[in-house]
Protein backbone atom coordinates (compact mmCIF):
# COMPACT_ATOMS: atom_id res chain seq x y z
CA MET A 1 131.60 77.73 142.40
CA VAL A 2 129.09 78.09 139.57
CA ARG A 3 126.15 80.27 140.49
CA GLU A 4 122.58 79.10 139.84
CA PHE A 5 119.62 81.26 138.84
CA ILE A 6 115.94 80.43 138.57
CA VAL A 7 113.98 82.23 135.86
CA GLU A 8 110.20 82.32 136.21
CA ALA A 9 108.45 83.72 133.14
CA ASP A 10 104.95 84.19 131.83
CA GLY A 11 103.04 86.05 129.15
CA GLY A 12 99.44 86.80 128.39
CA SER A 13 97.16 88.16 125.70
CA ARG A 14 93.73 89.66 126.28
CA GLY A 15 92.09 88.38 123.13
CA ASN A 16 94.68 85.92 121.75
CA PRO A 17 95.66 87.75 119.68
CA GLY A 18 95.01 90.92 121.62
CA PRO A 19 96.82 93.41 123.87
CA ALA A 20 99.70 91.39 125.27
CA GLY A 21 102.52 91.60 127.77
CA TYR A 22 105.10 89.48 129.51
CA GLY A 23 106.68 89.23 132.92
CA SER A 24 109.77 87.45 134.22
CA VAL A 25 111.79 87.35 137.40
CA VAL A 26 115.31 86.06 138.08
CA LEU A 27 115.75 84.40 141.47
CA ASP A 28 118.89 83.45 143.33
CA GLY A 29 119.01 79.66 143.12
CA ALA A 30 120.35 79.30 146.66
CA THR A 31 118.05 81.69 148.55
CA GLY A 32 115.08 82.21 146.22
CA GLU A 33 115.54 85.97 146.56
CA PRO A 34 114.31 87.98 143.53
CA LEU A 35 117.23 89.67 141.76
CA VAL A 36 115.70 91.10 138.58
CA GLU A 37 112.16 91.79 137.41
CA ALA A 38 111.29 92.39 133.75
CA ALA A 39 107.94 93.21 132.21
CA GLU A 40 106.74 94.91 129.04
CA TYR A 41 103.59 95.62 127.06
CA ILE A 42 104.24 94.35 123.51
CA GLY A 43 101.10 95.42 121.64
CA VAL A 44 98.79 92.94 119.95
CA ALA A 45 100.17 89.39 120.07
CA THR A 46 99.20 85.85 120.98
CA ASN A 47 99.65 84.17 124.36
CA ASN A 48 102.47 82.00 123.04
CA VAL A 49 104.39 84.92 121.56
CA ALA A 50 104.07 86.78 124.87
CA GLU A 51 105.27 83.70 126.81
CA TYR A 52 108.33 83.36 124.59
CA ARG A 53 109.07 87.08 124.94
CA GLY A 54 108.93 86.67 128.72
CA LEU A 55 111.33 83.74 128.54
CA ILE A 56 113.79 85.70 126.42
CA ALA A 57 113.67 88.71 128.75
CA GLY A 58 114.30 86.51 131.79
CA LEU A 59 117.22 84.70 130.18
CA LYS A 60 118.82 87.97 129.07
CA ALA A 61 118.41 89.44 132.54
CA ALA A 62 120.07 86.34 134.05
CA TYR A 63 122.89 86.53 131.52
CA ALA A 64 123.47 90.17 132.45
CA LEU A 65 123.93 89.12 136.08
CA ASP A 66 126.34 86.25 135.37
CA PRO A 67 126.95 84.69 131.94
CA THR A 68 128.64 81.66 133.55
CA ALA A 69 125.68 80.70 135.74
CA THR A 70 123.40 77.72 135.28
CA VAL A 71 119.72 78.55 134.84
CA ARG A 72 116.56 76.68 135.71
CA VAL A 73 113.57 78.05 133.82
CA ARG A 74 110.17 77.48 135.41
CA MET A 75 107.02 78.27 133.42
CA ASP A 76 103.38 77.23 133.45
CA SER A 77 103.38 77.07 129.64
CA LYS A 78 103.62 73.39 128.72
CA LEU A 79 104.15 74.38 125.09
CA VAL A 80 107.22 76.55 125.72
CA VAL A 81 108.76 74.13 128.22
CA GLU A 82 108.38 71.11 125.94
CA GLN A 83 109.54 72.96 122.82
CA MET A 84 112.59 74.48 124.50
CA SER A 85 113.43 71.11 126.07
CA GLY A 86 113.47 69.63 122.57
CA ARG A 87 110.65 67.16 123.18
CA TRP A 88 108.08 68.93 121.01
CA LYS A 89 108.68 70.16 117.49
CA ILE A 90 108.25 73.89 116.87
CA LYS A 91 105.88 74.23 113.91
CA HIS A 92 104.39 77.72 114.16
CA PRO A 93 106.42 80.27 112.14
CA ASP A 94 106.02 82.94 114.84
CA MET A 95 107.59 80.66 117.46
CA LYS A 96 110.67 79.52 115.54
CA PRO A 97 112.64 82.80 115.61
CA LEU A 98 111.69 83.39 119.24
CA ALA A 99 112.86 79.93 120.28
CA ALA A 100 116.09 80.46 118.33
CA GLU A 101 116.68 83.76 120.11
CA ALA A 102 116.13 82.13 123.51
CA LEU A 103 118.62 79.37 122.65
CA ARG A 104 121.31 81.91 121.77
CA VAL A 105 121.38 83.68 125.14
CA PHE A 106 123.30 81.02 127.08
CA ALA A 107 125.61 78.30 125.82
CA PRO A 108 124.07 74.84 125.29
CA GLY A 109 123.74 72.90 128.52
CA GLN A 110 123.52 75.91 130.86
CA VAL A 111 119.71 76.10 130.82
CA THR A 112 117.12 73.51 131.86
CA TYR A 113 113.31 73.78 131.76
CA GLU A 114 110.62 72.76 134.24
CA TRP A 115 106.83 73.03 134.02
CA ILE A 116 105.09 74.37 137.12
CA PRO A 117 101.37 74.88 137.89
CA ARG A 118 99.97 78.36 137.30
CA ASP A 119 99.52 79.00 141.04
CA ARG A 120 103.29 78.63 141.48
CA ASN A 121 104.04 81.19 138.78
CA LYS A 122 102.20 84.11 140.39
CA HIS A 123 105.16 86.50 140.40
CA ALA A 124 105.69 86.39 136.64
CA ASP A 125 101.94 86.27 136.00
CA ARG A 126 101.38 89.43 138.03
CA LEU A 127 104.22 91.21 136.22
CA ALA A 128 102.70 90.31 132.85
CA ASN A 129 99.31 91.66 133.94
CA GLU A 130 100.90 94.84 135.31
CA ALA A 131 102.56 95.35 131.92
CA MET A 132 99.26 94.85 130.07
CA ASP A 133 97.50 97.23 132.47
CA ALA A 134 100.20 99.85 131.87
CA GLY A 135 99.87 99.39 128.12
CA LYS A 136 96.12 99.93 128.36
CA ARG A 137 96.84 103.28 130.04
CA GLY A 138 99.33 104.16 127.31
CA GLU A 139 102.24 103.86 129.73
CA GLN A 140 105.34 101.72 130.12
CA TRP A 141 105.57 99.28 133.02
CA SER A 142 107.75 100.53 135.87
CA PRO A 143 109.44 98.28 138.45
CA ALA A 144 108.69 100.92 141.09
CA ALA A 145 104.98 100.22 140.74
CA SER A 146 105.25 96.44 140.88
CA THR A 147 103.50 94.53 143.66
CA ALA A 148 104.36 91.10 142.27
CA ASP A 149 107.09 90.30 144.78
CA LEU A 150 104.96 91.31 147.74
CA ASP A 151 102.13 89.05 146.64
CA THR A 152 104.28 86.04 145.85
CA ARG A 153 107.09 86.05 148.42
CA ALA A 154 105.08 84.03 150.96
CA THR A 155 103.82 81.63 148.29
CA ARG A 156 107.34 81.02 147.01
CA ARG A 157 108.56 80.08 150.48
CA GLY A 158 106.16 77.16 150.50
CA THR A 159 106.45 76.12 146.86
CA GLY A 160 110.11 76.46 145.89
CA ALA A 161 112.44 73.83 144.46
CA ALA A 162 112.00 71.91 147.73
CA ALA A 163 108.36 72.40 148.65
CA SER A 164 108.89 71.95 152.39
CA ALA A 165 111.95 74.18 152.69
CA ALA A 166 111.57 77.79 153.84
CA VAL A 167 113.41 80.44 151.85
CA PRO A 168 115.64 82.52 154.12
CA GLU A 169 115.68 86.29 154.05
CA PRO A 170 118.75 87.80 152.32
CA SER A 171 121.74 88.05 154.62
CA GLY A 172 124.22 90.02 152.49
CA PRO A 173 125.55 93.51 153.23
CA PRO A 174 123.19 96.51 152.84
CA GLY A 175 124.73 97.49 149.51
CA ASP A 176 123.70 94.21 147.87
CA ALA A 177 120.09 95.24 147.38
CA THR A 178 121.00 98.43 145.55
CA ALA A 179 123.64 96.67 143.50
CA GLY A 180 120.98 94.16 142.51
CA ALA A 181 118.70 97.03 141.54
CA ALA A 182 121.41 98.44 139.31
CA ARG A 183 121.81 95.10 137.59
CA ALA A 184 118.05 94.88 137.27
CA ARG A 185 117.85 98.24 135.51
CA ALA A 186 120.57 97.22 133.08
CA ALA A 187 118.91 93.88 132.43
CA LEU A 188 115.53 95.51 131.88
CA ALA A 189 117.04 97.95 129.40
CA GLY A 190 118.60 95.10 127.48
CA ALA A 191 115.42 93.05 127.46
CA ARG A 192 113.76 95.97 125.69
CA GLY A 193 116.50 96.15 123.08
CA GLU A 194 118.34 99.11 124.64
CA THR A 195 121.41 97.08 125.55
CA GLY A 196 123.16 94.19 123.82
CA TYR A 197 123.82 90.97 125.74
CA GLY A 198 127.05 89.13 125.29
CA ARG A 199 128.37 92.07 123.24
CA GLU A 200 130.37 95.24 123.69
CA ALA A 201 131.83 97.72 121.24
CA GLY A 202 134.57 95.34 120.20
CA GLY A 203 132.49 92.15 120.18
CA ALA A 204 131.37 89.65 122.84
CA GLY A 205 132.55 90.68 126.26
CA ALA A 206 131.49 91.70 129.75
CA PRO A 207 127.86 91.44 130.80
CA ALA A 208 125.63 94.41 130.10
CA ALA A 209 124.90 94.66 133.84
CA ALA A 210 128.30 96.24 134.47
CA ALA A 211 126.70 99.69 134.77
CA ALA A 212 126.40 101.25 138.23
CA PRO A 213 123.54 103.55 139.24
CA THR A 214 123.98 107.31 139.42
CA SER A 215 123.72 109.34 142.59
CA ALA A 216 120.11 110.06 141.73
CA ASP A 217 119.34 106.37 142.08
CA ALA A 218 120.96 105.54 145.43
CA PRO A 219 123.18 106.86 148.26
CA ALA A 220 126.93 107.06 147.68
CA SER A 221 127.60 103.94 149.73
CA ALA A 222 125.13 101.98 147.64
CA ASN A 223 126.73 103.36 144.48
CA ALA A 224 130.05 102.07 145.68
CA ALA A 225 128.56 98.63 146.28
CA ALA A 226 127.04 98.63 142.83
CA ALA A 227 130.33 99.72 141.29
CA ALA A 228 132.10 96.92 143.15
CA ALA A 229 129.59 94.43 141.83
CA ALA A 230 130.12 95.78 138.32
CA ALA A 231 133.89 95.49 138.68
CA ALA A 232 133.52 91.94 139.94
CA SER A 233 131.42 91.04 136.91
CA ALA A 234 134.03 92.54 134.60
CA SER A 235 136.74 90.59 136.42
CA VAL A 236 134.81 87.35 135.98
CA ALA A 237 134.41 88.11 132.28
CA LYS A 238 138.19 88.61 131.92
CA ARG A 239 138.98 85.39 133.79
CA ILE A 240 136.69 83.25 131.70
CA ALA A 241 137.94 84.78 128.45
CA SER A 242 140.86 82.33 128.48
CA SER A 243 138.55 79.31 128.35
CA ALA A 244 138.07 77.90 124.86
CA ASP A 245 134.72 76.43 125.84
CA VAL A 246 133.43 79.75 127.16
CA ARG A 247 134.78 81.64 124.15
CA ALA A 248 132.76 79.30 121.96
CA ALA A 249 129.71 79.81 124.15
CA LYS A 250 130.07 83.58 123.92
CA ASN A 251 130.31 83.36 120.17
CA VAL A 252 127.08 81.38 120.07
CA ALA A 253 125.36 83.92 122.31
CA SER A 254 126.53 86.92 120.29
CA VAL A 255 125.68 85.73 116.78
CA ALA A 256 122.90 87.90 115.36
CA PRO A 257 119.86 86.00 114.10
CA ASP A 258 119.60 85.46 110.35
CA LEU A 259 116.46 87.48 109.77
CA GLY A 260 116.49 86.90 106.02
CA THR A 261 114.65 88.99 103.47
CA PRO A 262 111.52 90.57 104.96
CA ALA A 263 107.98 90.38 103.69
CA THR A 264 107.46 93.92 102.43
CA PHE A 265 103.92 95.25 102.16
CA VAL A 266 103.32 98.44 100.25
CA LEU A 267 100.01 99.65 101.66
CA LEU A 268 97.87 101.63 99.23
CA ARG A 269 94.69 103.33 100.31
CA HIS A 270 92.13 103.22 97.49
CA GLY A 271 91.50 106.31 95.35
CA GLU A 272 88.77 108.82 96.08
CA THR A 273 85.08 107.91 95.88
CA PRO A 274 82.21 110.42 95.78
CA LEU A 275 82.03 110.11 99.59
CA THR A 276 85.72 110.82 100.27
CA PRO A 277 85.76 114.63 99.85
CA GLN A 278 82.63 114.86 102.00
CA LYS A 279 84.41 112.95 104.79
CA ARG A 280 81.54 110.53 105.27
CA PHE A 281 81.81 107.21 107.07
CA SER A 282 82.26 104.62 104.33
CA GLY A 283 82.92 101.14 105.67
CA SER A 284 82.14 97.58 104.71
CA GLY A 285 78.49 97.87 105.71
CA GLY A 286 77.53 100.78 103.48
CA SER A 287 76.79 101.44 99.81
CA ASP A 288 80.19 100.13 98.60
CA PRO A 289 80.88 103.07 96.27
CA SER A 290 83.16 102.87 93.22
CA LEU A 291 85.97 105.31 92.44
CA SER A 292 85.19 108.79 91.22
CA ASP A 293 86.98 110.24 88.19
CA VAL A 294 89.51 111.78 90.56
CA GLY A 295 90.00 108.43 92.26
CA ARG A 296 90.66 106.65 88.97
CA HIS A 297 93.19 109.31 88.00
CA GLN A 298 94.92 108.85 91.36
CA ALA A 299 95.09 105.09 90.82
CA GLU A 300 96.62 105.57 87.36
CA ARG A 301 99.27 107.91 88.75
CA VAL A 302 100.13 105.45 91.52
CA ALA A 303 100.33 102.66 88.93
CA ALA A 304 102.80 104.68 86.86
CA ALA A 305 104.94 105.44 89.91
CA LEU A 306 105.03 101.81 91.03
CA ALA A 307 105.81 100.63 87.49
CA LEU A 308 108.87 102.90 87.47
CA ARG A 309 110.09 101.38 90.74
CA GLY A 310 109.53 97.84 89.46
CA THR A 311 109.47 96.22 92.91
CA ILE A 312 105.88 94.99 93.28
CA GLN A 313 105.58 91.23 92.77
CA GLU A 314 101.95 90.63 93.75
CA VAL A 315 98.76 92.65 94.29
CA VAL A 316 96.27 91.82 97.07
CA SER A 317 93.06 93.78 97.57
CA SER A 318 90.19 94.30 99.97
CA PRO A 319 86.95 92.84 98.57
CA LEU A 320 85.22 96.25 98.47
CA ALA A 321 84.64 97.84 95.05
CA ARG A 322 86.82 100.94 95.52
CA CYS A 323 89.83 98.83 96.44
CA ARG A 324 89.31 96.21 93.74
CA GLU A 325 89.01 98.96 91.10
CA THR A 326 92.17 100.68 92.38
CA ALA A 327 94.00 97.34 92.47
CA GLN A 328 92.93 96.42 88.94
CA ILE A 329 94.21 99.71 87.53
CA VAL A 330 97.61 99.25 89.21
CA ALA A 331 97.87 95.52 88.47
CA ALA A 332 97.07 96.05 84.78
CA ARG A 333 99.96 98.51 84.52
CA LEU A 334 102.28 96.07 86.29
CA GLY A 335 101.14 92.99 84.36
CA LEU A 336 99.94 91.24 87.49
CA GLY A 337 96.71 89.66 88.70
CA VAL A 338 94.75 90.64 91.81
CA THR A 339 94.04 88.40 94.80
CA VAL A 340 91.18 89.36 97.10
CA GLU A 341 91.75 89.19 100.88
CA GLU A 342 88.69 89.51 103.11
CA GLY A 343 90.77 90.59 106.13
CA LEU A 344 91.72 93.87 104.40
CA ARG A 345 88.15 95.20 104.29
CA GLU A 346 87.20 98.43 106.03
CA THR A 347 85.46 98.63 109.42
CA ASP A 348 81.70 98.13 109.44
CA PHE A 349 80.40 101.46 110.77
CA GLY A 350 76.84 100.22 111.32
CA ALA A 351 74.22 102.97 111.36
CA TRP A 352 76.89 105.60 110.80
CA GLU A 353 77.53 104.52 107.20
CA GLY A 354 77.17 107.46 104.82
CA LEU A 355 77.02 110.07 107.61
CA THR A 356 79.53 112.78 108.42
CA PHE A 357 81.22 112.96 111.82
CA GLY A 358 79.05 115.92 112.75
CA GLU A 359 75.85 114.10 111.77
CA VAL A 360 76.80 111.11 113.91
CA ARG A 361 77.65 113.42 116.81
CA GLU A 362 74.21 115.01 116.53
CA ARG A 363 72.20 111.79 116.15
CA TYR A 364 74.15 109.38 118.37
CA PRO A 365 76.15 111.51 120.85
CA ASP A 366 76.50 108.86 123.57
CA ASP A 367 77.56 106.15 121.13
CA MET A 368 80.06 108.52 119.52
CA ASN A 369 81.58 109.47 122.89
CA ALA A 370 81.92 105.83 123.86
CA TRP A 371 83.52 105.01 120.48
CA LEU A 372 86.06 107.79 120.88
CA ALA A 373 86.89 106.65 124.42
CA SER A 374 87.28 102.89 123.99
CA PRO A 375 88.55 100.59 121.21
CA ASP A 376 85.96 98.03 122.34
CA ALA A 377 82.97 100.31 121.69
CA GLU A 378 80.97 99.54 118.55
CA PRO A 379 79.32 102.06 116.23
CA THR A 380 75.54 102.30 116.58
CA GLY A 381 73.60 99.41 115.11
CA GLY A 382 76.08 96.58 115.60
CA GLY A 383 79.11 97.98 113.81
CA GLU A 384 82.66 96.76 114.27
CA SER A 385 84.83 98.03 117.13
CA PHE A 386 88.42 99.06 116.56
CA GLY A 387 89.45 96.22 118.87
CA ALA A 388 87.75 93.70 116.61
CA VAL A 389 89.36 95.31 113.57
CA ALA A 390 92.79 95.07 115.22
CA ARG A 391 92.36 91.35 115.86
CA ARG A 392 91.20 90.73 112.30
CA VAL A 393 94.00 92.82 110.79
CA ALA A 394 96.68 91.22 113.00
CA ALA A 395 95.57 87.73 111.94
CA THR A 396 95.56 88.83 108.28
CA ARG A 397 99.02 90.37 108.66
CA ASP A 398 100.44 87.18 110.14
CA ARG A 399 98.91 85.03 107.41
CA LEU A 400 100.14 87.29 104.60
CA THR A 401 103.59 87.66 106.14
CA GLU A 402 104.07 83.91 106.22
CA ALA A 403 102.72 83.47 102.68
CA HIS A 404 104.87 86.23 101.17
CA ARG A 405 108.15 86.00 103.07
CA GLY A 406 110.92 87.60 101.00
CA ARG A 407 108.52 89.24 98.52
CA THR A 408 107.19 92.77 97.96
CA VAL A 409 103.40 92.84 97.82
CA LEU A 410 100.98 95.69 97.21
CA LEU A 411 98.06 95.58 99.66
CA VAL A 412 95.15 97.78 98.57
CA SER A 413 93.01 98.59 101.59
CA HIS A 414 91.28 101.32 103.60
CA VAL A 415 91.94 103.92 106.28
CA THR A 416 91.34 101.80 109.38
CA PRO A 417 93.20 98.62 108.36
CA ILE A 418 96.23 100.59 107.15
CA LYS A 419 96.33 102.78 110.26
CA THR A 420 95.97 99.64 112.38
CA LEU A 421 98.93 97.96 110.68
CA VAL A 422 101.01 101.08 111.31
CA ARG A 423 99.87 101.27 114.93
CA LEU A 424 100.72 97.64 115.59
CA ALA A 425 104.13 97.99 113.94
CA LEU A 426 104.94 100.96 116.18
CA GLY A 427 103.45 99.42 119.31
CA ALA A 428 101.24 102.52 119.67
CA PRO A 429 98.04 102.56 121.76
CA PRO A 430 94.60 102.32 120.09
CA GLU A 431 93.89 106.04 120.52
CA SER A 432 96.74 106.77 118.10
CA LEU A 433 94.32 105.90 115.28
CA PHE A 434 92.69 109.29 115.83
CA ARG A 435 96.06 111.03 115.46
CA MET A 436 96.90 109.79 111.98
CA GLU A 437 95.69 111.14 108.66
CA LEU A 438 95.75 108.90 105.61
CA SER A 439 95.06 110.54 102.26
CA ALA A 440 93.32 108.81 99.38
CA ALA A 441 95.76 106.88 97.15
CA SER A 442 98.58 107.34 99.69
CA LEU A 443 101.38 104.80 100.09
CA THR A 444 102.85 103.37 103.29
CA ALA A 445 105.48 100.64 103.37
CA LEU A 446 106.01 98.07 106.14
CA ALA A 447 108.72 95.41 106.12
CA TYR A 448 108.21 92.42 108.47
CA TYR A 449 111.26 90.43 109.55
CA ALA A 450 111.55 86.92 110.89
CA ASP A 451 111.97 88.13 114.48
CA GLY A 452 108.55 89.81 114.39
CA ASN A 453 109.88 93.36 114.14
CA ALA A 454 108.82 95.76 111.40
CA THR A 455 110.22 98.89 109.77
CA LEU A 456 107.98 101.69 108.55
CA ARG A 457 108.20 104.19 105.69
CA LEU A 458 105.54 106.81 105.03
CA LEU A 459 104.65 108.50 101.73
CA ASN A 460 101.41 110.29 102.44
CA ASP A 461 101.45 113.31 100.09
CA THR A 462 99.05 112.71 97.21
CA SER A 463 98.69 116.29 96.00
CA HIS A 464 100.74 115.42 92.91
CA LEU A 465 98.20 112.73 92.00
CA ARG A 466 95.36 115.19 91.28
């Protein structure tokens, strides 16, 4: 008999784009009992990206439990449901690779989609919010801390597939719960990229959930139950291996996405200005200084180094004078023009412009403390918060990535935008901005792939440029 799962998934973004997370739960189709929970903080993203990530995590967790099962996906996102059902066209470039990844998890025909009201998706919604709350604390979501099932179990009994039918309590042997927990841990690891689905060392094979918990996780009897469940899963995988249809389905599920050539951004901080050695706040609301003689020399040395590499195809600059001057020096050496991008400008530091850190601490101690404690705090006098900068930079990144897919582009910018791009690529919390140092005329490279992931390379020693 073919098993049925229900996947409920959701995602959210506090800012859209802003700090985002997803949640998903796999339910037994017959009893409604939760089998696997998945949740994760994913950094700055849009609501739709987070919703798709939740869908993918739920599907992968279900696949880990039983790759032959049928799956009913229930979400309160009309967009995702209609797009995955094939009734709406997927136009946004960020959604296309995510939808393709979701389609690859199960074979065609095994998954159906249903829209449900938000108040019937409370379990996944709570998981997504728990993940975002954990991310705000600089932590990873833990299933041990989840209260989603407690809050939604009673609601689900009254609003399941048959609204009037009560969902019975689980009636299996005591070991079933721990075995399910073992599968949940394996599925959660895979949803975060730690485990492959539909793959093993030699290719597509047994589900990733075939790992039993250690003695630290459960009593010996529960371990035995989990091991039995794992063995049963492996046995199922062997039995279905003889089916041509299933072999084809496994091949579909295990094909890696064609990520193509990335958009590669070589991030160049402008050369020194007279304010740089004095370590004064110099943002987009200040005097807009030009390069010093040292800064021009740095730009010329960078230009020579990039000319030798011969990889830069376009030059894009912040509108501020120090960046445009740096960009012009490099572009002239490379035989390229310069495009100005407003989104690459530095933070507006308000009344702090031109002051040192110590001077700001002395004049505006409360504002400085608040700024150091929260990315939403603004510098004195209506400056720009780091949270606002992150949203601006993320939108600029997405726009430039789409416009320059497959090309290598030099982006000439400032300390905060470059650090923010690095932070977002690493999924690091906002406070990590205070733990990075970015020298004048330093280079940092980020490559953005079609699946939304990025790779990072640092070259931050500019002593040879003096």
